[in-house]
Amino acid sequence: MKKFIILFVILVFPTAFYIFLSYGVERYRRTPVFGPRQAIEITGTDGKKKTDTSYFKIPAFEAKRCEGGNFSLSAYQGRMYVTAFLHPDSSKNGYNMGPLLTEYKIKKGEYRRISFLFFWPSDSSSAAPAPDLAAQLKISKDSALIICLPKQQYDSLRSATYFISDPARQKEPFTQKMYDLVLVDKEGKIRGYYNGRYPGKVKELKEDIRHILQHDEAEETTRQTKIEQKQK
């Protein structure tokens, strides 16, 4: 009997413990940052010089909102958002965006701190009227903006800004498809690309949003704690 117990502990317990750690405890991962980067010199809080990494950020631009009025990305800073370049053939957008729309409607509360920014080629010969995705998502037009762009600006933003070439990440599954969703954080850094046609990829997008928000909250808590400690 003692031999059986010893063998059980040696052979079975480690496996059971591994399964518990793998499935019983939530695991966290750090989402990547896409785009060119460079080393810069900064001054730390202690006044000393040190090396840090500067990441590519979406540059400010201005455009027209499809429902009227102007849009400026500089006024949109400080907001995490998901963006997509809508297909000029509007009949294809339901297929490309379907999983995101369905996921959002079912789990709207998990996206409450996220905005959506959609680009529409306003002067494309095949473009129909811009879809009202704010109505489909059942949120305000300030949380789901449709930006009308001349085809030249649409192509430039897509290929040279949101899908900018990143030599450091050549091995990424970087598809640059019309239906790719792009996640941009509060600082304007690109944090992920997701094939909008697949529910699994939309779920991955939601998980990355949650991880980034948790990381931001942890950093803010640490910053506030340091301030309070200095004030004592």
Protein backbone atom coordinates (compact mmCIF):
# COMPACT_ATOMS: atom_id res chain seq x y z
CA MET A 1 0.00 0.00 0.00
CA LYS A 2 2.82 2.39 0.89
CA LYS A 3 4.54 1.64 -2.42
CA PHE A 4 1.31 2.45 -4.27
CA ILE A 5 0.98 5.79 -2.46
CA ILE A 6 4.61 6.64 -3.19
CA LEU A 7 4.21 5.78 -6.88
CA PHE A 8 0.99 7.80 -7.03
CA VAL A 9 2.70 10.86 -5.57
CA ILE A 10 5.69 10.52 -7.89
CA LEU A 11 3.82 9.79 -11.13
CA VAL A 12 0.32 11.27 -10.85
CA PHE A 13 0.59 14.29 -8.57
CA PRO A 14 3.03 16.30 -10.76
CA THR A 15 0.75 15.83 -13.77
CA ALA A 16 -2.35 16.84 -11.82
CA PHE A 17 -0.57 19.87 -10.42
CA TYR A 18 0.55 20.95 -13.91
CA ILE A 19 -3.01 20.66 -15.21
CA PHE A 20 -4.25 22.79 -12.32
CA LEU A 21 -1.67 25.49 -13.05
CA SER A 22 -2.46 25.42 -16.76
CA TYR A 23 -6.24 25.54 -16.55
CA GLY A 24 -7.15 26.54 -13.02
CA VAL A 25 -5.09 29.73 -12.91
CA GLU A 26 -5.49 32.53 -15.41
CA ARG A 27 -2.32 33.19 -17.37
CA TYR A 28 -1.24 36.62 -18.56
CA ARG A 29 0.91 37.57 -21.51
CA ARG A 30 2.35 40.83 -22.69
CA THR A 31 0.91 42.05 -25.98
CA PRO A 32 3.53 43.07 -28.56
CA VAL A 33 4.14 46.55 -29.94
CA PHE A 34 4.27 46.74 -33.75
CA GLY A 35 6.11 49.24 -35.92
CA PRO A 36 9.68 50.55 -36.19
CA ARG A 37 11.48 51.37 -32.96
CA GLN A 38 14.70 53.06 -31.96
CA ALA A 39 16.90 53.53 -28.90
CA ILE A 40 16.78 57.02 -27.38
CA GLU A 41 18.40 58.71 -24.41
CA ILE A 42 16.11 60.01 -21.67
CA THR A 43 16.52 61.54 -18.23
CA GLY A 44 15.19 59.36 -15.43
CA THR A 45 13.31 60.55 -12.35
CA ASP A 46 16.64 60.49 -10.50
CA GLY A 47 18.12 62.96 -12.99
CA LYS A 48 20.43 60.41 -14.56
CA LYS A 49 20.66 59.69 -18.29
CA LYS A 50 19.54 56.27 -19.48
CA THR A 51 18.60 54.46 -22.68
CA ASP A 52 14.97 53.73 -23.51
CA THR A 53 13.03 52.46 -26.52
CA SER A 54 10.95 54.80 -28.68
CA TYR A 55 8.07 53.02 -30.45
CA PHE A 56 6.30 54.04 -33.62
CA LYS A 57 3.05 55.92 -32.96
CA ILE A 58 0.20 56.72 -35.35
CA PRO A 59 0.84 60.32 -36.51
CA ALA A 60 -1.95 62.87 -36.23
CA PHE A 61 -4.12 63.49 -39.29
CA GLU A 62 -7.40 65.19 -40.14
CA ALA A 63 -10.32 64.01 -42.24
CA LYS A 64 -14.10 64.27 -42.70
CA ARG A 65 -16.65 62.23 -40.80
CA CYS A 66 -19.07 60.51 -43.17
CA GLU A 67 -22.13 61.78 -41.30
CA GLY A 68 -20.74 65.34 -41.36
CA GLY A 69 -18.18 67.32 -39.42
CA ASN A 70 -14.44 67.08 -39.08
CA PHE A 71 -12.24 64.50 -37.41
CA SER A 72 -8.81 65.06 -35.90
CA LEU A 73 -6.80 62.16 -34.53
CA SER A 74 -4.99 64.53 -32.16
CA ALA A 75 -8.33 65.06 -30.37
CA TYR A 76 -8.73 61.28 -30.23
CA GLN A 77 -5.48 60.69 -28.34
CA GLY A 78 -5.72 58.98 -24.98
CA ARG A 79 -8.35 56.53 -26.24
CA MET A 80 -7.74 52.90 -27.07
CA TYR A 81 -9.47 51.99 -30.30
CA VAL A 82 -9.99 49.28 -32.87
CA THR A 83 -9.79 50.36 -36.48
CA ALA A 84 -10.52 48.76 -39.84
CA PHE A 85 -10.40 49.83 -43.47
CA LEU A 86 -13.86 49.06 -44.80
CA HIS A 87 -14.25 47.46 -48.20
CA PRO A 88 -15.57 49.83 -50.91
CA ASP A 89 -18.06 47.11 -51.85
CA SER A 90 -20.32 47.45 -48.78
CA SER A 91 -21.84 44.00 -49.38
CA LYS A 92 -18.54 42.47 -48.26
CA ASN A 93 -18.30 44.36 -44.96
CA GLY A 94 -20.96 42.25 -43.28
CA TYR A 95 -18.81 39.19 -44.01
CA ASN A 96 -15.56 40.87 -43.01
CA MET A 97 -16.93 42.51 -39.85
CA GLY A 98 -19.59 39.96 -38.90
CA PRO A 99 -17.69 38.18 -36.07
CA LEU A 100 -16.78 41.52 -34.45
CA LEU A 101 -20.36 42.81 -34.60
CA THR A 102 -21.69 39.56 -33.16
CA GLU A 103 -19.07 39.41 -30.41
CA TYR A 104 -19.69 43.03 -29.45
CA LYS A 105 -23.45 42.61 -29.21
CA ILE A 106 -23.11 39.55 -26.97
CA LYS A 107 -20.32 40.87 -24.73
CA LYS A 108 -20.74 44.64 -25.00
CA GLY A 109 -19.67 45.24 -21.39
CA GLU A 110 -16.21 43.85 -22.07
CA TYR A 111 -15.63 46.52 -24.74
CA ARG A 112 -17.02 49.47 -22.78
CA ARG A 113 -13.71 51.37 -22.72
CA ILE A 114 -12.95 50.82 -26.41
CA SER A 115 -13.80 53.05 -29.37
CA PHE A 116 -14.04 52.04 -33.02
CA LEU A 117 -12.61 53.97 -35.94
CA PHE A 118 -13.54 52.86 -39.44
CA PHE A 119 -12.15 54.24 -42.70
CA TRP A 120 -14.27 54.48 -45.84
CA PRO A 121 -12.98 55.27 -49.39
CA SER A 122 -15.45 58.04 -50.23
CA ASP A 123 -14.47 58.59 -53.88
CA SER A 124 -13.99 54.98 -54.93
CA SER A 125 -15.89 54.20 -58.13
CA SER A 126 -17.37 51.07 -56.52
CA ALA A 127 -18.14 52.65 -53.14
CA ALA A 128 -21.74 52.62 -51.96
CA PRO A 129 -22.97 54.86 -49.09
CA ALA A 130 -20.93 54.33 -45.93
CA PRO A 131 -22.45 51.75 -43.55
CA ASP A 132 -23.78 52.94 -40.18
CA LEU A 133 -21.75 50.68 -37.90
CA ALA A 134 -22.60 52.78 -34.84
CA ALA A 135 -26.24 51.78 -35.33
CA GLN A 136 -25.28 48.14 -35.84
CA LEU A 137 -23.15 48.17 -32.68
CA LYS A 138 -25.86 50.19 -30.89
CA ILE A 139 -23.41 52.76 -29.55
CA SER A 140 -22.95 56.50 -30.02
CA LYS A 141 -21.45 57.87 -33.22
CA ASP A 142 -18.57 59.27 -31.13
CA SER A 143 -17.65 55.72 -30.10
CA ALA A 144 -17.91 54.23 -33.60
CA LEU A 145 -16.74 56.81 -36.13
CA ILE A 146 -16.86 56.36 -39.89
CA ILE A 147 -14.16 58.48 -41.53
CA CYS A 148 -14.59 59.31 -45.23
CA LEU A 149 -11.26 59.54 -47.03
CA PRO A 150 -10.28 60.26 -50.61
CA LYS A 151 -8.92 57.07 -52.13
CA GLN A 152 -5.33 58.39 -52.15
CA GLN A 153 -5.42 59.25 -48.42
CA TYR A 154 -7.23 55.96 -47.68
CA ASP A 155 -4.48 53.95 -49.42
CA SER A 156 -1.71 56.00 -47.82
CA LEU A 157 -3.04 55.62 -44.28
CA ARG A 158 -3.52 51.92 -44.79
CA SER A 159 -0.17 51.03 -46.34
CA ALA A 160 2.12 53.63 -44.76
CA THR A 161 0.61 54.19 -41.31
CA TYR A 162 -1.62 51.47 -39.86
CA PHE A 163 0.09 48.66 -41.80
CA ILE A 164 3.53 50.22 -41.75
CA SER A 165 6.42 47.95 -42.66
CA ASP A 166 8.23 46.65 -39.58
CA PRO A 167 11.64 45.09 -40.43
CA ALA A 168 12.04 43.90 -36.82
CA ARG A 169 8.94 41.67 -37.12
CA GLN A 170 9.34 40.08 -40.53
CA LYS A 171 8.20 36.71 -39.24
CA GLU A 172 4.84 38.00 -37.98
CA PRO A 173 1.68 36.65 -39.68
CA PHE A 174 1.35 40.10 -41.21
CA THR A 175 -1.41 39.75 -43.79
CA GLN A 176 -2.43 43.37 -44.49
CA LYS A 177 -5.79 42.15 -45.72
CA MET A 178 -8.78 44.42 -46.19
CA TYR A 179 -10.54 42.67 -43.31
CA ASP A 180 -7.73 42.96 -40.73
CA LEU A 181 -8.62 44.75 -37.50
CA VAL A 182 -5.91 46.91 -35.91
CA LEU A 183 -5.69 47.53 -32.16
CA VAL A 184 -4.18 50.89 -31.15
CA ASP A 185 -3.51 51.73 -27.50
CA LYS A 186 -3.94 55.04 -25.64
CA GLU A 187 -0.47 56.19 -26.65
CA GLY A 188 -1.09 55.61 -30.35
CA LYS A 189 1.02 52.44 -30.54
CA ILE A 190 -0.12 49.51 -32.67
CA ARG A 191 -0.64 46.47 -30.43
CA GLY A 192 -2.08 43.81 -32.72
CA TYR A 193 -3.55 42.70 -36.06
CA TYR A 194 -6.54 40.35 -36.24
CA ASN A 195 -8.34 38.68 -39.11
CA GLY A 196 -11.87 40.00 -38.68
CA ARG A 197 -13.45 37.05 -40.48
CA TYR A 198 -12.64 34.55 -37.73
CA PRO A 199 -14.42 34.51 -34.32
CA GLY A 200 -11.27 33.07 -32.71
CA LYS A 201 -9.23 36.09 -33.82
CA VAL A 202 -11.90 38.49 -32.55
CA LYS A 203 -11.76 36.69 -29.20
CA GLU A 204 -7.97 37.13 -29.23
CA LEU A 205 -8.52 40.85 -29.84
CA LYS A 206 -10.79 41.04 -26.78
CA GLU A 207 -8.23 39.23 -24.63
CA ASP A 208 -5.45 41.59 -25.74
CA ILE A 209 -7.64 44.59 -24.91
CA ARG A 210 -8.19 43.19 -21.42
CA HIS A 211 -4.48 42.53 -20.87
CA ILE A 212 -3.52 46.05 -21.96
CA LEU A 213 -6.15 47.65 -19.73
CA GLN A 214 -4.99 45.59 -16.75
CA HIS A 215 -1.38 46.54 -17.45
CA ASP A 216 -2.29 50.24 -17.71
CA GLU A 217 -4.24 50.08 -14.46
CA ALA A 218 -1.33 48.38 -12.69
CA GLU A 219 1.09 51.05 -13.93
CA GLU A 220 -1.25 53.83 -12.83
CA THR A 221 -1.62 52.26 -9.37
CA THR A 222 2.18 52.03 -9.06
CA ARG A 223 2.57 55.66 -10.13
CA GLN A 224 -0.05 56.88 -7.64
CA THR A 225 1.58 54.82 -4.86
CA LYS A 226 4.97 56.41 -5.53
CA ILE A 227 3.40 59.89 -5.46
CA GLU A 228 1.66 59.18 -2.15
CA GLN A 229 4.88 57.80 -0.64
CA LYS A 230 6.78 60.96 -1.61
CA GLN A 231 4.08 63.15 -0.05
CA LYS A 232 4.36 61.40 3.32
